[in-house]
C-alpha atoms as a PDB file:
ATOM      1  CA  MET A   1      -0.229  -0.082  -0.012  1.00  0.00           C
ATOM      2  CA  ALA A   2       1.467   3.217  -0.895  1.00  0.00           C
ATOM      3  CA  PRO A   3       1.834   6.010   1.785  1.00  0.00           C
ATOM      4  CA  SER A   4       0.386   9.198   2.589  1.00  0.00           C
ATOM      5  CA  PHE A   5       2.304  11.466  -0.031  1.00  0.00           C
ATOM      6  CA  ASP A   6       1.133  14.761   1.928  1.00  0.00           C
ATOM      7  CA  ASP A   7       3.624  13.345   4.665  1.00  0.00           C
ATOM      8  CA  GLY A   8       7.252  14.532   3.698  1.00  0.00           C
ATOM      9  CA  ASN A   9       9.092  11.731   5.429  1.00  0.00           C
ATOM     10  CA  SER A  10       6.857   9.119   4.051  1.00  0.00           C
ATOM     11  CA  LEU A  11       7.152  10.617   0.470  1.00  0.00           C
ATOM     12  CA  PHE A  12      10.657  10.541   0.511  1.00  0.00           C
ATOM     13  CA  ASN A  13      11.210   6.984   1.922  1.00  0.00           C
ATOM     14  CA  PHE A  14       9.080   5.548  -0.821  1.00  0.00           C
ATOM     15  CA  VAL A  15       9.911   7.459  -3.713  1.00  0.00           C
ATOM     16  CA  VAL A  16      13.902   7.814  -2.663  1.00  0.00           C
ATOM     17  CA  ARG A  17      14.965   5.419   0.088  1.00  0.00           C
ATOM     18  CA  ASP A  18      12.788   2.435  -1.206  1.00  0.00           C
ATOM     19  CA  GLY A  19      13.793   3.093  -4.937  1.00  0.00           C
ATOM     20  CA  ASN A  20      10.036   3.526  -5.887  1.00  0.00           C
ATOM     21  CA  GLY A  21      10.979   6.790  -7.986  1.00  0.00           C
ATOM     22  CA  VAL A  22       8.385   9.037  -8.947  1.00  0.00           C
ATOM     23  CA  LYS A  23       6.880   6.425 -11.480  1.00  0.00           C
ATOM     24  CA  GLY A  24       6.068   4.388  -8.411  1.00  0.00           C
ATOM     25  CA  MET A  25       4.187   7.294  -7.069  1.00  0.00           C
ATOM     26  CA  VAL A  26       2.167   7.970  -9.873  1.00  0.00           C
ATOM     27  CA  ASP A  27       1.457   4.415 -10.579  1.00  0.00           C
ATOM     28  CA  SER A  28      -0.198   4.398  -7.106  1.00  0.00           C
ATOM     29  CA  GLY A  29      -3.109   6.336  -8.325  1.00  0.00           C
ATOM     30  CA  LEU A  30      -1.995  10.044  -7.625  1.00  0.00           C
ATOM     31  CA  SER A  31      -4.144  12.335  -9.170  1.00  0.00           C
ATOM     32  CA  THR A  32      -2.572  15.689  -7.582  1.00  0.00           C
ATOM     33  CA  VAL A  33       0.884  16.855  -7.216  1.00  0.00           C
ATOM     34  CA  PRO A  34       2.327  16.511  -3.580  1.00  0.00           C
ATOM     35  CA  GLN A  35       3.855  19.557  -1.789  1.00  0.00           C
ATOM     36  CA  ALA A  36       7.353  18.323  -2.096  1.00  0.00           C
ATOM     37  CA  TYR A  37       7.409  18.360  -6.040  1.00  0.00           C
ATOM     38  CA  MET A  38       5.683  22.206  -6.510  1.00  0.00           C
ATOM     39  CA  GLN A  39       8.242  24.587  -7.570  1.00  0.00           C
ATOM     40  CA  PRO A  40       8.339  28.033  -6.649  1.00  0.00           C
ATOM     41  CA  PRO A  41       6.445  30.401  -9.462  1.00  0.00           C
ATOM     42  CA  ILE A  42       9.825  31.453 -10.388  1.00  0.00           C
ATOM     43  CA  GLU A  43      11.015  28.311 -11.483  1.00  0.00           C
ATOM     44  CA  ARG A  44       7.799  27.175 -13.170  1.00  0.00           C
ATOM     45  CA  ILE A  45       7.946  26.702 -16.891  1.00  0.00           C
ATOM     46  CA  ASP A  46       5.078  28.846 -18.727  1.00  0.00           C
ATOM     47  CA  LYS A  47       5.297  26.968 -22.175  1.00  0.00           C
ATOM     48  CA  ASP A  48       3.029  29.566 -23.671  1.00  0.00           C
ATOM     49  CA  ARG A  49       5.297  31.920 -23.378  1.00  0.00           C
ATOM     50  CA  ALA A  50       8.491  30.468 -24.493  1.00  0.00           C
ATOM     51  CA  ARG A  51       9.185  30.403 -28.352  1.00  0.00           C
ATOM     52  CA  LYS A  52      10.090  27.410 -30.431  1.00  0.00           C
ATOM     53  CA  HIS A  53      13.788  27.213 -31.827  1.00  0.00           C
ATOM     54  CA  GLY A  54      13.018  27.532 -35.245  1.00  0.00           C
ATOM     55  CA  HIS A  55      16.267  26.784 -36.870  1.00  0.00           C
ATOM     56  CA  PRO A  56      16.646  23.442 -38.981  1.00  0.00           C
ATOM     57  CA  PRO A  57      19.101  21.069 -38.139  1.00  0.00           C
ATOM     58  CA  ILE A  58      22.541  20.897 -39.008  1.00  0.00           C
ATOM     59  CA  ASP A  59      23.413  18.324 -41.621  1.00  0.00           C
ATOM     60  CA  LEU A  60      26.801  16.784 -40.578  1.00  0.00           C
ATOM     61  CA  SER A  61      26.964  14.360 -43.625  1.00  0.00           C
ATOM     62  CA  LYS A  62      28.241  17.674 -45.290  1.00  0.00           C
ATOM     63  CA  LEU A  63      31.478  18.195 -43.229  1.00  0.00           C
ATOM     64  CA  GLY A  64      34.432  17.221 -45.406  1.00  0.00           C
ATOM     65  CA  GLY A  65      32.785  17.762 -48.352  1.00  0.00           C
ATOM     66  CA  PRO A  66      31.989  20.961 -50.651  1.00  0.00           C
ATOM     67  CA  GLU A  67      30.071  22.621 -47.969  1.00  0.00           C
ATOM     68  CA  HIS A  68      32.242  22.138 -45.153  1.00  0.00           C
ATOM     69  CA  ASP A  69      33.084  25.366 -44.608  1.00  0.00           C
ATOM     70  CA  GLU A  70      29.515  26.528 -44.317  1.00  0.00           C
ATOM     71  CA  VAL A  71      28.433  23.578 -42.164  1.00  0.00           C
ATOM     72  CA  ALA A  72      31.208  24.567 -39.874  1.00  0.00           C
ATOM     73  CA  LYS A  73      29.944  28.168 -39.511  1.00  0.00           C
ATOM     74  CA  GLN A  74      26.385  26.913 -38.528  1.00  0.00           C
ATOM     75  CA  ILE A  75      28.111  24.838 -35.583  1.00  0.00           C
ATOM     76  CA  VAL A  76      30.212  27.528 -34.503  1.00  0.00           C
ATOM     77  CA  ARG A  77      27.407  30.411 -34.849  1.00  0.00           C
ATOM     78  CA  ALA A  78      25.052  27.970 -32.692  1.00  0.00           C
ATOM     79  CA  ALA A  79      27.572  27.392 -30.110  1.00  0.00           C
ATOM     80  CA  GLU A  80      28.585  30.917 -29.665  1.00  0.00           C
ATOM     81  CA  ASN A  81      25.137  32.358 -29.422  1.00  0.00           C
ATOM     82  CA  LEU A  82      22.624  29.508 -27.909  1.00  0.00           C
ATOM     83  CA  GLY A  83      25.262  26.998 -27.197  1.00  0.00           C
ATOM     84  CA  PHE A  84      22.510  24.344 -28.310  1.00  0.00           C
ATOM     85  CA  PHE A  85      21.970  23.105 -32.083  1.00  0.00           C
ATOM     86  CA  GLN A  86      20.457  19.772 -33.434  1.00  0.00           C
ATOM     87  CA  VAL A  87      22.065  17.506 -35.975  1.00  0.00           C
ATOM     88  CA  VAL A  88      20.939  15.122 -38.604  1.00  0.00           C
ATOM     89  CA  ASN A  89      23.008  12.539 -40.820  1.00  0.00           C
ATOM     90  CA  HIS A  90      24.905  12.171 -37.885  1.00  0.00           C
ATOM     91  CA  GLY A  91      26.318   8.904 -38.170  1.00  0.00           C
ATOM     92  CA  VAL A  92      23.979   6.990 -35.371  1.00  0.00           C
ATOM     93  CA  PRO A  93      21.433   4.930 -36.904  1.00  0.00           C
ATOM     94  CA  VAL A  94      17.964   6.086 -36.572  1.00  0.00           C
ATOM     95  CA  ASP A  95      16.450   2.440 -35.913  1.00  0.00           C
ATOM     96  CA  LEU A  96      19.174   2.489 -32.856  1.00  0.00           C
ATOM     97  CA  LEU A  97      17.625   5.588 -31.442  1.00  0.00           C
ATOM     98  CA  GLU A  98      14.080   4.480 -31.852  1.00  0.00           C
ATOM     99  CA  SER A  99      15.245   1.146 -30.383  1.00  0.00           C
ATOM    100  CA  LEU A 100      17.023   3.632 -27.331  1.00  0.00           C
ATOM    101  CA  LYS A 101      13.526   5.076 -26.721  1.00  0.00           C
ATOM    102  CA  ASP A 102      11.472   1.771 -26.474  1.00  0.00           C
ATOM    103  CA  THR A 103      14.265   0.038 -24.180  1.00  0.00           C
ATOM    104  CA  ALA A 104      14.304   3.103 -21.745  1.00  0.00           C
ATOM    105  CA  HIS A 105      10.558   2.677 -21.155  1.00  0.00           C
ATOM    106  CA  ASP A 106      10.999  -0.884 -21.004  1.00  0.00           C
ATOM    107  CA  PHE A 107      13.522  -0.449 -18.182  1.00  0.00           C
ATOM    108  CA  PHE A 108      11.480   2.125 -16.159  1.00  0.00           C
ATOM    109  CA  SER A 109       8.144  -0.182 -16.666  1.00  0.00           C
ATOM    110  CA  LEU A 110      10.294  -3.093 -14.344  1.00  0.00           C
ATOM    111  CA  PRO A 111       9.018  -3.713 -10.867  1.00  0.00           C
ATOM    112  CA  ALA A 112      10.685  -1.272  -8.805  1.00  0.00           C
ATOM    113  CA  GLU A 113      13.116  -3.830  -6.856  1.00  0.00           C
ATOM    114  CA  LYS A 114      14.907  -4.532 -10.303  1.00  0.00           C
ATOM    115  CA  LYS A 115      16.053  -0.790 -10.969  1.00  0.00           C
ATOM    116  CA  ALA A 116      16.443  -0.182  -6.899  1.00  0.00           C
ATOM    117  CA  VAL A 117      19.126  -2.394  -6.519  1.00  0.00           C
ATOM    118  CA  TYR A 118      21.462   0.621  -8.201  1.00  0.00           C
ATOM    119  CA  ARG A 119      20.303   2.955  -5.798  1.00  0.00           C
ATOM    120  CA  ASP A 120      23.553   5.328  -4.837  1.00  0.00           C
ATOM    121  CA  ASP A 121      23.872   3.676  -1.438  1.00  0.00           C
ATOM    122  CA  VAL A 122      23.653   0.007  -2.367  1.00  0.00           C
ATOM    123  CA  SER A 123      24.380  -0.147  -6.054  1.00  0.00           C
ATOM    124  CA  PRO A 124      26.837  -3.266  -6.451  1.00  0.00           C
ATOM    125  CA  THR A 125      29.309  -1.069  -8.682  1.00  0.00           C
ATOM    126  CA  PRO A 126      30.111   2.687  -8.577  1.00  0.00           C
ATOM    127  CA  LEU A 127      29.585   2.687 -12.578  1.00  0.00           C
ATOM    128  CA  VAL A 128      25.855   2.431 -12.162  1.00  0.00           C
ATOM    129  CA  LYS A 129      23.232   4.864 -10.135  1.00  0.00           C
ATOM    130  CA  TYR A 130      19.622   4.535 -10.201  1.00  0.00           C
ATOM    131  CA  GLY A 131      17.844   7.753  -8.693  1.00  0.00           C
ATOM    132  CA  THR A 132      15.421  10.195  -8.712  1.00  0.00           C
ATOM    133  CA  SER A 133      15.593  13.959  -9.024  1.00  0.00           C
ATOM    134  CA  PHE A 134      18.902  16.080  -8.543  1.00  0.00           C
ATOM    135  CA  VAL A 135      20.209  15.650  -5.019  1.00  0.00           C
ATOM    136  CA  PRO A 136      16.594  14.651  -3.484  1.00  0.00           C
ATOM    137  CA  GLN A 137      18.626  15.165   0.243  1.00  0.00           C
ATOM    138  CA  LYS A 138      18.921  18.698  -0.090  1.00  0.00           C
ATOM    139  CA  GLU A 139      16.364  19.938  -2.741  1.00  0.00           C
ATOM    140  CA  LYS A 140      13.332  22.188  -1.703  1.00  0.00           C
ATOM    141  CA  ALA A 141      11.468  21.122  -4.358  1.00  0.00           C
ATOM    142  CA  LEU A 142      12.211  17.851  -5.915  1.00  0.00           C
ATOM    143  CA  GLU A 143      11.920  17.318  -9.875  1.00  0.00           C
ATOM    144  CA  TRP A 144       9.708  15.111 -11.349  1.00  0.00           C
ATOM    145  CA  LYS A 145      12.300  12.648 -12.867  1.00  0.00           C
ATOM    146  CA  ASP A 146      13.970   9.272 -12.430  1.00  0.00           C
ATOM    147  CA  TYR A 147      17.088   8.119 -13.985  1.00  0.00           C
ATOM    148  CA  ILE A 148      19.678   5.418 -14.384  1.00  0.00           C
ATOM    149  CA  SER A 149      23.363   6.795 -14.730  1.00  0.00           C
ATOM    150  CA  MET A 150      26.320   4.534 -16.447  1.00  0.00           C
ATOM    151  CA  GLN A 151      29.704   5.485 -16.550  1.00  0.00           C
ATOM    152  CA  TYR A 152      31.786   4.372 -19.007  1.00  0.00           C
ATOM    153  CA  THR A 153      35.492   3.141 -18.748  1.00  0.00           C
ATOM    154  CA  ASN A 154      35.822   0.411 -21.135  1.00  0.00           C
ATOM    155  CA  ASP A 155      33.529  -2.275 -23.071  1.00  0.00           C
ATOM    156  CA  ALA A 156      34.116  -4.949 -21.007  1.00  0.00           C
ATOM    157  CA  GLU A 157      33.459  -3.520 -17.644  1.00  0.00           C
ATOM    158  CA  ALA A 158      30.395  -1.878 -19.225  1.00  0.00           C
ATOM    159  CA  LEU A 159      29.138  -5.270 -20.264  1.00  0.00           C
ATOM    160  CA  GLN A 160      29.968  -6.650 -16.743  1.00  0.00           C
ATOM    161  CA  HIS A 161      27.996  -3.766 -14.918  1.00  0.00           C
ATOM    162  CA  TRP A 162      25.697  -1.917 -16.792  1.00  0.00           C
ATOM    163  CA  PRO A 163      22.252  -3.260 -16.249  1.00  0.00           C
ATOM    164  CA  GLU A 164      21.426  -6.390 -18.825  1.00  0.00           C
ATOM    165  CA  GLU A 165      18.391  -4.748 -19.982  1.00  0.00           C
ATOM    166  CA  ILE A 166      19.879  -1.698 -21.301  1.00  0.00           C
ATOM    167  CA  ARG A 167      23.514  -2.771 -21.554  1.00  0.00           C
ATOM    168  CA  ASP A 168      23.686  -3.468 -25.425  1.00  0.00           C
ATOM    169  CA  VAL A 169      21.539  -0.772 -26.890  1.00  0.00           C
ATOM    170  CA  SER A 170      23.132   2.019 -24.602  1.00  0.00           C
ATOM    171  CA  LEU A 171      26.697   0.673 -25.283  1.00  0.00           C
ATOM    172  CA  GLU A 172      26.296   0.911 -29.187  1.00  0.00           C
ATOM    173  CA  TYR A 173      24.800   4.399 -28.825  1.00  0.00           C
ATOM    174  CA  LEU A 174      27.702   5.624 -27.340  1.00  0.00           C
ATOM    175  CA  ARG A 175      29.891   3.926 -29.678  1.00  0.00           C
ATOM    176  CA  THR A 176      28.445   5.048 -32.695  1.00  0.00           C
ATOM    177  CA  SER A 177      27.835   8.591 -31.361  1.00  0.00           C
ATOM    178  CA  MET A 178      31.717   9.273 -30.477  1.00  0.00           C
ATOM    179  CA  SER A 179      32.767   9.748 -33.972  1.00  0.00           C
ATOM    180  CA  MET A 180      30.570  12.651 -34.543  1.00  0.00           C
ATOM    181  CA  VAL A 181      31.555  14.097 -31.353  1.00  0.00           C
ATOM    182  CA  ARG A 182      35.238  14.206 -32.514  1.00  0.00           C
ATOM    183  CA  LYS A 183      34.247  15.724 -35.662  1.00  0.00           C
ATOM    184  CA  LEU A 184      32.126  18.473 -33.830  1.00  0.00           C
ATOM    185  CA  LEU A 185      35.049  19.448 -31.572  1.00  0.00           C
ATOM    186  CA  GLN A 186      37.622  19.280 -34.241  1.00  0.00           C
ATOM    187  CA  VAL A 187      35.556  22.227 -36.015  1.00  0.00           C
ATOM    188  CA  LEU A 188      34.824  24.282 -32.693  1.00  0.00           C
ATOM    189  CA  LEU A 189      38.554  23.993 -31.961  1.00  0.00           C
ATOM    190  CA  GLU A 190      39.919  24.772 -35.116  1.00  0.00           C
ATOM    191  CA  ASN A 191      37.595  27.873 -34.967  1.00  0.00           C
ATOM    192  CA  LEU A 192      39.386  29.013 -31.758  1.00  0.00           C
ATOM    193  CA  GLY A 193      42.873  29.125 -33.815  1.00  0.00           C
ATOM    194  CA  VAL A 194      43.868  25.514 -32.249  1.00  0.00           C
ATOM    195  CA  LYS A 195      44.984  22.579 -34.315  1.00  0.00           C
ATOM    196  CA  PRO A 196      43.814  19.736 -32.116  1.00  0.00           C
ATOM    197  CA  GLU A 197      45.609  16.495 -32.529  1.00  0.00           C
ATOM    198  CA  ASP A 198      43.668  13.290 -31.592  1.00  0.00           C
ATOM    199  CA  SER A 199      45.554  13.132 -28.437  1.00  0.00           C
ATOM    200  CA  MET A 200      43.918  16.620 -27.350  1.00  0.00           C
ATOM    201  CA  ILE A 201      40.192  15.348 -27.988  1.00  0.00           C
ATOM    202  CA  ASP A 202      41.164  12.069 -26.245  1.00  0.00           C
ATOM    203  CA  VAL A 203      41.561  14.324 -22.747  1.00  0.00           C
ATOM    204  CA  LEU A 204      38.284  16.777 -23.499  1.00  0.00           C
ATOM    205  CA  VAL A 205      36.113  13.476 -23.892  1.00  0.00           C
ATOM    206  CA  ASP A 206      38.281  10.952 -21.258  1.00  0.00           C
ATOM    207  CA  LYS A 207      34.731  10.678 -19.032  1.00  0.00           C
ATOM    208  CA  LYS A 208      31.665   9.390 -20.680  1.00  0.00           C
ATOM    209  CA  MET A 209      28.445   8.607 -19.241  1.00  0.00           C
ATOM    210  CA  VAL A 210      25.054   7.336 -20.610  1.00  0.00           C
ATOM    211  CA  ASN A 211      22.005   8.264 -18.680  1.00  0.00           C
ATOM    212  CA  MET A 212      18.239   7.343 -19.376  1.00  0.00           C
ATOM    213  CA  ASN A 213      15.885   9.853 -18.050  1.00  0.00           C
ATOM    214  CA  TYR A 214      12.274   9.093 -17.346  1.00  0.00           C
ATOM    215  CA  TYR A 215       9.551  11.709 -16.918  1.00  0.00           C
ATOM    216  CA  PRO A 216       6.325  10.124 -15.692  1.00  0.00           C
ATOM    217  CA  THR A 217       2.858  12.038 -16.821  1.00  0.00           C
ATOM    218  CA  CYS A 218       2.559  14.624 -14.226  1.00  0.00           C
ATOM    219  CA  PRO A 219      -1.235  15.390 -12.949  1.00  0.00           C
ATOM    220  CA  ASN A 220      -0.351  19.366 -13.183  1.00  0.00           C
ATOM    221  CA  PRO A 221       2.758  20.022 -15.110  1.00  0.00           C
ATOM    222  CA  ASP A 222       2.512  24.035 -14.569  1.00  0.00           C
ATOM    223  CA  LEU A 223       3.530  23.229 -10.767  1.00  0.00           C
ATOM    224  CA  THR A 224       6.266  21.001 -11.758  1.00  0.00           C
ATOM    225  CA  VAL A 225       9.609  20.659 -13.425  1.00  0.00           C
ATOM    226  CA  GLY A 226      11.186  17.756 -14.637  1.00  0.00           C
ATOM    227  CA  VAL A 227      14.730  18.893 -14.610  1.00  0.00           C
ATOM    228  CA  GLY A 228      15.138  22.185 -12.859  1.00  0.00           C
ATOM    229  CA  ARG A 229      17.549  24.992 -14.694  1.00  0.00           C
ATOM    230  CA  HIS A 230      21.339  24.153 -14.933  1.00  0.00           C
ATOM    231  CA  SER A 231      24.217  23.793 -17.403  1.00  0.00           C
ATOM    232  CA  ASP A 232      25.784  20.727 -18.159  1.00  0.00           C
ATOM    233  CA  MET A 233      29.492  20.632 -16.413  1.00  0.00           C
ATOM    234  CA  GLY A 234      31.332  18.609 -19.305  1.00  0.00           C
ATOM    235  CA  THR A 235      32.787  19.124 -22.573  1.00  0.00           C
ATOM    236  CA  LEU A 236      29.695  18.386 -25.132  1.00  0.00           C
ATOM    237  CA  THR A 237      26.512  16.827 -24.023  1.00  0.00           C
ATOM    238  CA  ILE A 238      24.519  14.539 -27.190  1.00  0.00           C
ATOM    239  CA  LEU A 239      20.896  14.319 -26.469  1.00  0.00           C
ATOM    240  CA  LEU A 240      18.413  11.923 -27.776  1.00  0.00           C
ATOM    241  CA  GLN A 241      14.753  13.206 -27.196  1.00  0.00           C
ATOM    242  CA  ASP A 242      11.391  11.775 -27.886  1.00  0.00           C
ATOM    243  CA  GLY A 243       8.502  13.097 -29.926  1.00  0.00           C
ATOM    244  CA  ILE A 244       6.951  14.722 -26.673  1.00  0.00           C
ATOM    245  CA  GLY A 245       9.426  17.379 -26.305  1.00  0.00           C
ATOM    246  CA  GLY A 246       9.703  19.824 -23.172  1.00  0.00           C
ATOM    247  CA  LEU A 247      13.445  21.147 -23.469  1.00  0.00           C
ATOM    248  CA  TYR A 248      13.836  24.654 -22.656  1.00  0.00           C
ATOM    249  CA  VAL A 249      17.261  26.860 -23.175  1.00  0.00           C
ATOM    250  CA  LYS A 250      17.993  30.201 -21.873  1.00  0.00           C
ATOM    251  CA  ILE A 251      19.124  32.723 -24.383  1.00  0.00           C
ATOM    252  CA  GLU A 252      22.686  33.887 -22.588  1.00  0.00           C
ATOM    253  CA  ASP A 253      23.364  36.939 -24.994  1.00  0.00           C
ATOM    254  CA  ASP A 254      20.965  38.825 -27.330  1.00  0.00           C
ATOM    255  CA  SER A 255      21.435  36.871 -30.573  1.00  0.00           C
ATOM    256  CA  GLU A 256      19.508  35.949 -33.713  1.00  0.00           C
ATOM    257  CA  PHE A 257      17.953  33.320 -31.323  1.00  0.00           C
ATOM    258  CA  GLY A 258      16.327  35.777 -29.197  1.00  0.00           C
ATOM    259  CA  LYS A 259      16.985  38.584 -26.347  1.00  0.00           C
ATOM    260  CA  LYS A 260      19.028  37.706 -23.510  1.00  0.00           C
ATOM    261  CA  GLY A 261      16.920  36.000 -20.628  1.00  0.00           C
ATOM    262  CA  GLU A 262      14.453  34.659 -23.126  1.00  0.00           C
ATOM    263  CA  TRP A 263      13.899  30.744 -23.002  1.00  0.00           C
ATOM    264  CA  VAL A 264      13.209  28.736 -26.003  1.00  0.00           C
ATOM    265  CA  GLU A 265      11.871  25.450 -26.638  1.00  0.00           C
ATOM    266  CA  ILE A 266      14.034  22.888 -28.475  1.00  0.00           C
ATOM    267  CA  PRO A 267      11.207  20.741 -30.715  1.00  0.00           C
ATOM    268  CA  PRO A 268      12.012  17.204 -31.020  1.00  0.00           C
ATOM    269  CA  VAL A 269      12.958  16.563 -34.804  1.00  0.00           C
ATOM    270  CA  PRO A 270      12.828  13.008 -36.042  1.00  0.00           C
ATOM    271  CA  SER A 271      16.154  11.334 -36.378  1.00  0.00           C
ATOM    272  CA  ALA A 272      17.846  14.438 -34.805  1.00  0.00           C
ATOM    273  CA  LEU A 273      20.096  14.707 -31.837  1.00  0.00           C
ATOM    274  CA  VAL A 274      20.544  17.613 -29.625  1.00  0.00           C
ATOM    275  CA  ILE A 275      23.996  18.980 -28.947  1.00  0.00           C
ATOM    276  CA  ASN A 276      24.975  21.294 -26.343  1.00  0.00           C
ATOM    277  CA  VAL A 277      28.012  23.167 -25.196  1.00  0.00           C
ATOM    278  CA  GLY A 278      29.159  22.231 -21.605  1.00  0.00           C
ATOM    279  CA  ASP A 279      31.083  24.251 -18.825  1.00  0.00           C
ATOM    280  CA  MET A 280      34.399  23.007 -19.800  1.00  0.00           C
ATOM    281  CA  LEU A 281      34.104  24.005 -23.435  1.00  0.00           C
ATOM    282  CA  GLN A 282      32.994  27.436 -22.166  1.00  0.00           C
ATOM    283  CA  VAL A 283      36.197  27.802 -19.990  1.00  0.00           C
ATOM    284  CA  LEU A 284      38.593  26.431 -22.792  1.00  0.00           C
ATOM    285  CA  SER A 285      36.986  28.809 -25.137  1.00  0.00           C
ATOM    286  CA  ASN A 286      37.534  31.467 -22.933  1.00  0.00           C
ATOM    287  CA  GLY A 287      33.418  32.056 -22.840  1.00  0.00           C
ATOM    288  CA  LYS A 288      33.158  32.300 -26.594  1.00  0.00           C
ATOM    289  CA  TYR A 289      31.087  29.134 -26.391  1.00  0.00           C
ATOM    290  CA  LYS A 290      27.826  29.167 -24.339  1.00  0.00           C
ATOM    291  CA  SER A 291      27.155  26.389 -21.916  1.00  0.00           C
ATOM    292  CA  ALA A 292      23.616  27.728 -21.640  1.00  0.00           C
ATOM    293  CA  GLU A 293      21.198  27.082 -18.737  1.00  0.00           C
ATOM    294  CA  HIS A 294      18.446  24.741 -19.630  1.00  0.00           C
ATOM    295  CA  ARG A 295      15.391  22.935 -17.948  1.00  0.00           C
ATOM    296  CA  VAL A 296      12.953  20.315 -18.762  1.00  0.00           C
ATOM    297  CA  ARG A 297       8.941  20.597 -18.463  1.00  0.00           C
ATOM    298  CA  THR A 298       6.858  17.699 -17.836  1.00  0.00           C
ATOM    299  CA  THR A 299       3.817  16.324 -19.282  1.00  0.00           C
ATOM    300  CA  SER A 300       0.328  15.311 -18.376  1.00  0.00           C
ATOM    301  CA  THR A 301      -0.695  13.335 -21.648  1.00  0.00           C
ATOM    302  CA  LYS A 302       2.383  10.800 -21.743  1.00  0.00           C
ATOM    303  CA  SER A 303       5.450   9.521 -20.087  1.00  0.00           C
ATOM    304  CA  ARG A 304       8.714  10.887 -21.909  1.00  0.00           C
ATOM    305  CA  VAL A 305      11.981   9.494 -21.853  1.00  0.00           C
ATOM    306  CA  SER A 306      15.509  11.306 -23.077  1.00  0.00           C
ATOM    307  CA  ILE A 307      18.792   9.898 -23.576  1.00  0.00           C
ATOM    308  CA  PRO A 308      21.993  11.964 -23.053  1.00  0.00           C
ATOM    309  CA  ILE A 309      25.861  11.374 -23.244  1.00  0.00           C
ATOM    310  CA  PHE A 310      27.894  13.123 -21.486  1.00  0.00           C
ATOM    311  CA  THR A 311      31.594  13.690 -22.365  1.00  0.00           C
ATOM    312  CA  MET A 312      34.117  15.674 -19.946  1.00  0.00           C
ATOM    313  CA  PRO A 313      37.977  15.592 -19.083  1.00  0.00           C
ATOM    314  CA  ASN A 314      39.077  13.344 -16.240  1.00  0.00           C
ATOM    315  CA  ALA A 315      38.582  14.690 -12.833  1.00  0.00           C
ATOM    316  CA  THR A 316      42.363  15.050 -12.323  1.00  0.00           C
ATOM    317  CA  ALA A 317      42.518  17.376 -15.345  1.00  0.00           C
ATOM    318  CA  LYS A 318      43.389  21.043 -15.371  1.00  0.00           C
ATOM    319  CA  ILE A 319      41.273  23.499 -16.851  1.00  0.00           C
ATOM    320  CA  ALA A 320      41.978  26.968 -18.187  1.00  0.00           C
ATOM    321  CA  PRO A 321      41.304  29.132 -21.372  1.00  0.00           C
ATOM    322  CA  LEU A 322      43.431  27.680 -24.329  1.00  0.00           C
ATOM    323  CA  PRO A 323      46.573  29.595 -24.674  1.00  0.00           C
ATOM    324  CA  GLU A 324      45.900  30.389 -28.250  1.00  0.00           C
ATOM    325  CA  VAL A 325      42.505  31.999 -27.434  1.00  0.00           C
ATOM    326  CA  VAL A 326      44.004  34.182 -24.489  1.00  0.00           C
ATOM    327  CA  GLU A 327      46.794  35.035 -26.746  1.00  0.00           C
ATOM    328  CA  LYS A 328      44.020  36.594 -29.668  1.00  0.00           C
ATOM    329  CA  ASP A 329      41.639  37.948 -26.755  1.00  0.00           C
ATOM    330  CA  GLY A 330      44.340  39.810 -24.995  1.00  0.00           C
ATOM    331  CA  ASN A 331      42.704  38.603 -21.575  1.00  0.00           C
ATOM    332  CA  THR A 332      41.385  35.481 -19.630  1.00  0.00           C
ATOM    333  CA  LEU A 333      37.773  35.050 -18.164  1.00  0.00           C
ATOM    334  CA  TYR A 334      38.659  32.439 -15.730  1.00  0.00           C
ATOM    335  CA  LYS A 335      41.392  31.004 -13.880  1.00  0.00           C
ATOM    336  CA  GLU A 336      42.584  27.542 -13.805  1.00  0.00           C
ATOM    337  CA  PHE A 337      41.274  25.085 -11.704  1.00  0.00           C
ATOM    338  CA  VAL A 338      41.137  20.864 -11.235  1.00  0.00           C
ATOM    339  CA  LEU A 339      37.948  19.425 -12.553  1.00  0.00           C
ATOM    340  CA  ALA A 340      37.433  17.476  -9.385  1.00  0.00           C
ATOM    341  CA  ASP A 341      37.109  20.603  -7.526  1.00  0.00           C
ATOM    342  CA  TYR A 342      34.680  22.010  -9.796  1.00  0.00           C
ATOM    343  CA  MET A 343      32.697  19.139  -9.589  1.00  0.00           C
ATOM    344  CA  LYS A 344      32.466  19.279  -5.500  1.00  0.00           C
ATOM    345  CA  ASN A 345      30.768  22.629  -6.208  1.00  0.00           C
ATOM    346  CA  PHE A 346      28.604  21.702  -9.018  1.00  0.00           C
ATOM    347  CA  PHE A 347      26.766  18.748  -6.836  1.00  0.00           C
END
């Protein structure tokens, strides 16, 4: 029997400690949003006031061909102005993307006890974490989201430790995406006046993580968020959206994409992947590339999934604006820091 969700302790134990997640709460017959999930008005997402991002996806198949320079300009322009863009003909098979979405729905439909074995405090491996919200022990208002997070070290460890229900398709998604990531970083670094060797790109994407996010239907999406405002701390993020949508990005500076402070929705495009700049790439570029705040709205019609890949340097890496950029700019916006220290503050 589900507990009373009016009681904060009872709700926390059911959703977080026992691993039932938001899905378990919704499946119990929930008809109203519990107080613990009600966001303050300033954090709620008004979809009627947000514009849709109208720029077409960038065709990556044209990189290396006669239109290479024009496509490279599109990538750079998006990274400099919005920090988000969509790509098609990216080299990741479309049937794999469809399989990923189906597999994510299947995984979160498993009994709670099958998922809860990967809760942070009991998971048999540090590579896999199942949870809900962001840091539920500290948040004043919880996010309407469950997730499974899988760190990648090598194929052998992924095959051994990642959940078998999602392991193979997640690993293939990661494998087939990395060629695209390297091409994008090549373009972005060359624009900064850097001639990137493979070893440099290896450092920037040394750590990789695949997440599956699940946003159950919500009785009143106007009161909640699936993910609150944040920027990604890594180098580049690759995101697979499903057809429902709900991703909103804050415009950092006045540009062709809109006015500073506005929120724009990144609408789902069939077979496309969303790419966004992370904090580390913003620092390396001395602020030229924008790691924009973004957030996710909930929906009342159908449960939604999204599947991001996060790439970042190793935790011991020292991060600072690239010398070539500083020399050109004549100043530096960021002091050097060790990524591990940044991560502590981030969480």
